[in-house]
Amino acid sequence: MNDPFGINGTIQARVFRVEGAVAEGGFGVVYRAFHEVFRSHVALKCLKVPDTLAKEQRPAFLERFRSEAELLFRLSAALPEVVRPLQFGLLETAGFVPFLALEWLEGETLDGFVSKRTQAGKAPVGLSQALDLLTPVARVLSRAHHFHDQGETIAIIHADMKPENVFLANVHGERVVKVL
């Protein structure tokens, strides 16, 4: 995969050694990086900020992104099925590129899992397995829509819920469903 932000091989935020881009979508690029202090891999989700964003608009944009990262941090602390953020910041590049460091997960997306089964000529998953895969997702969405946070109930809406944002992680030999 190419390197849209030109950060392969660099150290970002003094601790993230960037190894390479692993996924790209309409709003961002995810890089695999190594956290030099924790000695563990992380995912750096780097936002594609439109060139039309004026310089004076950047602080407000960055604050909104930081607020979302803070909320994700609190949500993931309450719901282990939500991917855990580790740090927020700006890439050390010429452009304006906010990033969010997230826990690195080994496994595959729900979309990839279904595609592999189809390509292998396997039958669709049965009802029991579908329930095992989707019940954690439904539980996360339900709790997020009625999330008790700092003495009030707020509704957190996942604006991009799709099979590509459900991850079937392998954690210590066990399948764990995580919402990205």
Protein backbone atom coordinates (compact mmCIF):
# COMPACT_ATOMS: atom_id res chain seq x y z
CA MET A 1 0.00 0.00 0.00
CA ASN A 2 1.25 3.51 -0.74
CA ASP A 3 2.15 6.09 1.90
CA PRO A 4 -0.26 9.04 1.42
CA PHE A 5 1.24 11.16 4.21
CA GLY A 6 4.90 10.23 3.60
CA ILE A 7 5.50 9.03 7.16
CA ASN A 8 6.76 5.46 6.66
CA GLY A 9 9.92 4.97 8.68
CA THR A 10 9.47 8.13 10.74
CA ILE A 11 8.96 8.57 14.46
CA GLN A 12 5.74 10.43 15.26
CA ALA A 13 4.89 12.06 18.60
CA ARG A 14 8.28 10.89 19.90
CA VAL A 15 7.10 7.29 20.42
CA PHE A 16 5.42 5.88 17.29
CA ARG A 17 7.78 4.29 14.75
CA VAL A 18 5.66 4.13 11.60
CA GLU A 19 5.96 0.83 9.71
CA GLY A 20 3.48 1.32 6.87
CA ALA A 21 -0.02 2.08 5.74
CA VAL A 22 -2.46 -0.83 6.13
CA ALA A 23 -5.83 0.66 5.13
CA GLU A 24 -7.24 3.73 3.46
CA GLY A 25 -10.76 5.08 3.36
CA GLY A 26 -12.49 8.25 2.36
CA PHE A 27 -11.68 10.06 5.62
CA GLY A 28 -8.34 8.66 6.64
CA VAL A 29 -5.40 6.32 6.43
CA VAL A 30 -4.49 3.72 9.05
CA TYR A 31 -0.82 2.99 9.60
CA ARG A 32 0.75 0.22 11.64
CA ALA A 33 3.29 1.68 14.04
CA PHE A 34 5.38 0.47 16.94
CA HIS A 35 5.05 2.23 20.30
CA GLU A 36 8.67 2.51 21.46
CA VAL A 37 7.75 2.94 25.15
CA PHE A 38 5.05 0.25 25.46
CA ARG A 39 6.94 -2.03 22.99
CA SER A 40 3.73 -2.86 21.22
CA HIS A 41 2.09 -2.25 17.88
CA VAL A 42 -0.56 0.43 17.52
CA ALA A 43 -2.78 1.67 14.74
CA LEU A 44 -2.34 5.32 13.78
CA LYS A 45 -5.58 6.59 12.26
CA CYS A 46 -4.62 9.72 10.33
CA LEU A 47 -7.34 12.04 9.08
CA LYS A 48 -7.51 13.38 5.55
CA VAL A 49 -8.33 17.01 6.18
CA PRO A 50 -9.68 18.83 3.14
CA ASP A 51 -7.36 21.45 1.64
CA THR A 52 -10.32 23.83 1.81
CA LEU A 53 -10.07 23.98 5.62
CA ALA A 54 -8.70 27.45 6.34
CA LYS A 55 -5.79 27.80 8.74
CA GLU A 56 -7.96 29.75 11.20
CA GLN A 57 -10.47 26.85 11.24
CA ARG A 58 -7.87 24.29 12.27
CA PRO A 59 -7.99 24.85 16.06
CA ALA A 60 -11.77 24.32 16.16
CA PHE A 61 -11.49 21.25 13.92
CA LEU A 62 -8.73 19.84 16.12
CA GLU A 63 -10.77 20.48 19.28
CA ARG A 64 -13.80 18.63 17.82
CA PHE A 65 -11.55 15.69 16.93
CA ARG A 66 -9.99 15.75 20.42
CA SER A 67 -13.47 15.78 21.99
CA GLU A 68 -14.43 12.73 19.94
CA ALA A 69 -11.20 10.99 20.98
CA GLU A 70 -11.94 11.78 24.63
CA LEU A 71 -15.44 10.38 24.33
CA LEU A 72 -14.09 7.25 22.60
CA PHE A 73 -11.64 6.84 25.47
CA ARG A 74 -14.43 6.92 28.06
CA LEU A 75 -16.70 4.70 25.94
CA SER A 76 -13.96 2.07 25.45
CA ALA A 77 -13.25 2.07 29.19
CA ALA A 78 -16.90 1.19 29.84
CA LEU A 79 -17.33 -1.16 26.88
CA PRO A 80 -14.39 -3.48 26.13
CA GLU A 81 -15.90 -4.29 22.71
CA VAL A 82 -14.99 -0.76 21.56
CA VAL A 83 -11.49 -0.21 20.16
CA ARG A 84 -9.34 1.59 22.74
CA PRO A 85 -7.66 4.91 21.89
CA LEU A 86 -4.20 5.55 23.31
CA GLN A 87 -3.20 9.03 22.17
CA PHE A 88 -4.32 11.96 20.07
CA GLY A 89 -2.16 14.50 18.25
CA LEU A 90 -0.86 15.97 15.00
CA LEU A 91 1.55 14.22 12.68
CA GLU A 92 4.96 15.82 12.37
CA THR A 93 4.60 16.56 8.66
CA ALA A 94 4.32 19.64 6.49
CA GLY A 95 0.52 19.32 6.33
CA PHE A 96 -2.23 19.49 8.92
CA VAL A 97 -2.86 15.82 9.80
CA PRO A 98 -4.57 14.97 13.09
CA PHE A 99 -4.13 11.38 14.28
CA LEU A 100 -5.52 9.01 16.85
CA ALA A 101 -3.38 6.11 18.09
CA LEU A 102 -5.51 3.03 18.75
CA GLU A 103 -4.84 -0.42 20.12
CA TRP A 104 -3.53 -2.76 17.41
CA LEU A 105 -5.77 -5.73 16.77
CA GLU A 106 -4.78 -8.97 15.04
CA GLY A 107 -7.61 -10.52 13.06
CA GLU A 108 -9.95 -9.45 10.31
CA THR A 109 -12.97 -7.31 9.65
CA LEU A 110 -16.42 -8.86 9.54
CA ASP A 111 -16.50 -7.90 5.86
CA GLY A 112 -13.24 -9.79 5.25
CA PHE A 113 -14.50 -12.82 7.20
CA VAL A 114 -17.68 -13.03 5.11
CA SER A 115 -15.78 -12.46 1.84
CA LYS A 116 -13.28 -15.23 2.65
CA ARG A 117 -16.11 -17.66 3.40
CA THR A 118 -17.84 -16.77 0.13
CA GLN A 119 -14.63 -17.11 -1.91
CA ALA A 120 -13.95 -20.50 -0.30
CA GLY A 121 -17.42 -21.68 -1.35
CA LYS A 122 -18.58 -22.10 2.24
CA ALA A 123 -22.19 -21.75 3.27
CA PRO A 124 -23.24 -18.56 5.07
CA VAL A 125 -22.74 -18.62 8.83
CA GLY A 126 -25.54 -20.23 10.80
CA LEU A 127 -27.87 -18.37 13.10
CA SER A 128 -25.94 -19.30 16.24
CA GLN A 129 -22.62 -18.04 14.84
CA ALA A 130 -24.28 -14.90 13.44
CA LEU A 131 -25.68 -14.17 16.90
CA ASP A 132 -22.25 -14.74 18.47
CA LEU A 133 -20.73 -12.24 16.03
CA LEU A 134 -23.44 -9.58 16.10
CA THR A 135 -24.68 -9.63 19.71
CA PRO A 136 -21.61 -7.73 20.99
CA VAL A 137 -22.10 -5.14 18.23
CA ALA A 138 -25.79 -4.69 19.11
CA ARG A 139 -24.89 -4.42 22.81
CA VAL A 140 -22.25 -1.73 22.10
CA LEU A 141 -24.61 0.29 19.90
CA SER A 142 -27.43 0.06 22.42
CA ARG A 143 -25.22 1.14 25.32
CA ALA A 144 -23.60 3.90 23.28
CA HIS A 145 -27.01 5.29 22.35
CA HIS A 146 -27.78 5.55 26.09
CA PHE A 147 -24.28 6.16 27.46
CA HIS A 148 -24.04 7.36 31.07
CA ASP A 149 -21.11 9.77 31.14
CA GLN A 150 -20.08 12.20 33.86
CA GLY A 151 -23.52 12.27 35.49
CA GLU A 152 -25.59 12.57 32.35
CA THR A 153 -26.94 10.29 29.65
CA ILE A 154 -25.81 11.05 26.12
CA ALA A 155 -26.48 9.42 22.77
CA ILE A 156 -23.35 8.43 20.86
CA ILE A 157 -24.14 7.60 17.26
CA HIS A 158 -21.72 5.58 15.13
CA ALA A 159 -21.93 7.46 11.85
CA ASP A 160 -20.22 4.77 9.76
CA MET A 161 -21.50 1.41 11.05
CA LYS A 162 -20.72 -1.27 8.46
CA PRO A 163 -19.06 -4.70 8.35
CA GLU A 164 -15.68 -3.07 7.63
CA ASN A 165 -15.90 -1.37 11.06
CA VAL A 166 -16.54 -4.57 13.00
CA PHE A 167 -13.30 -6.35 13.80
CA LEU A 168 -12.97 -10.00 14.73
CA ALA A 169 -9.83 -9.83 16.83
CA ASN A 170 -7.73 -12.71 18.04
CA VAL A 171 -6.89 -11.92 21.67
CA HIS A 172 -4.88 -14.62 23.46
CA GLY A 173 -6.35 -17.32 21.21
CA GLU A 174 -9.94 -16.16 21.67
CA ARG A 175 -12.15 -14.36 19.16
CA VAL A 176 -13.23 -10.96 20.45
CA VAL A 177 -15.58 -8.69 18.53
CA LYS A 178 -14.49 -5.02 18.52
CA VAL A 179 -16.32 -2.05 17.06
CA LEU A 180 -13.97 0.33 15.25
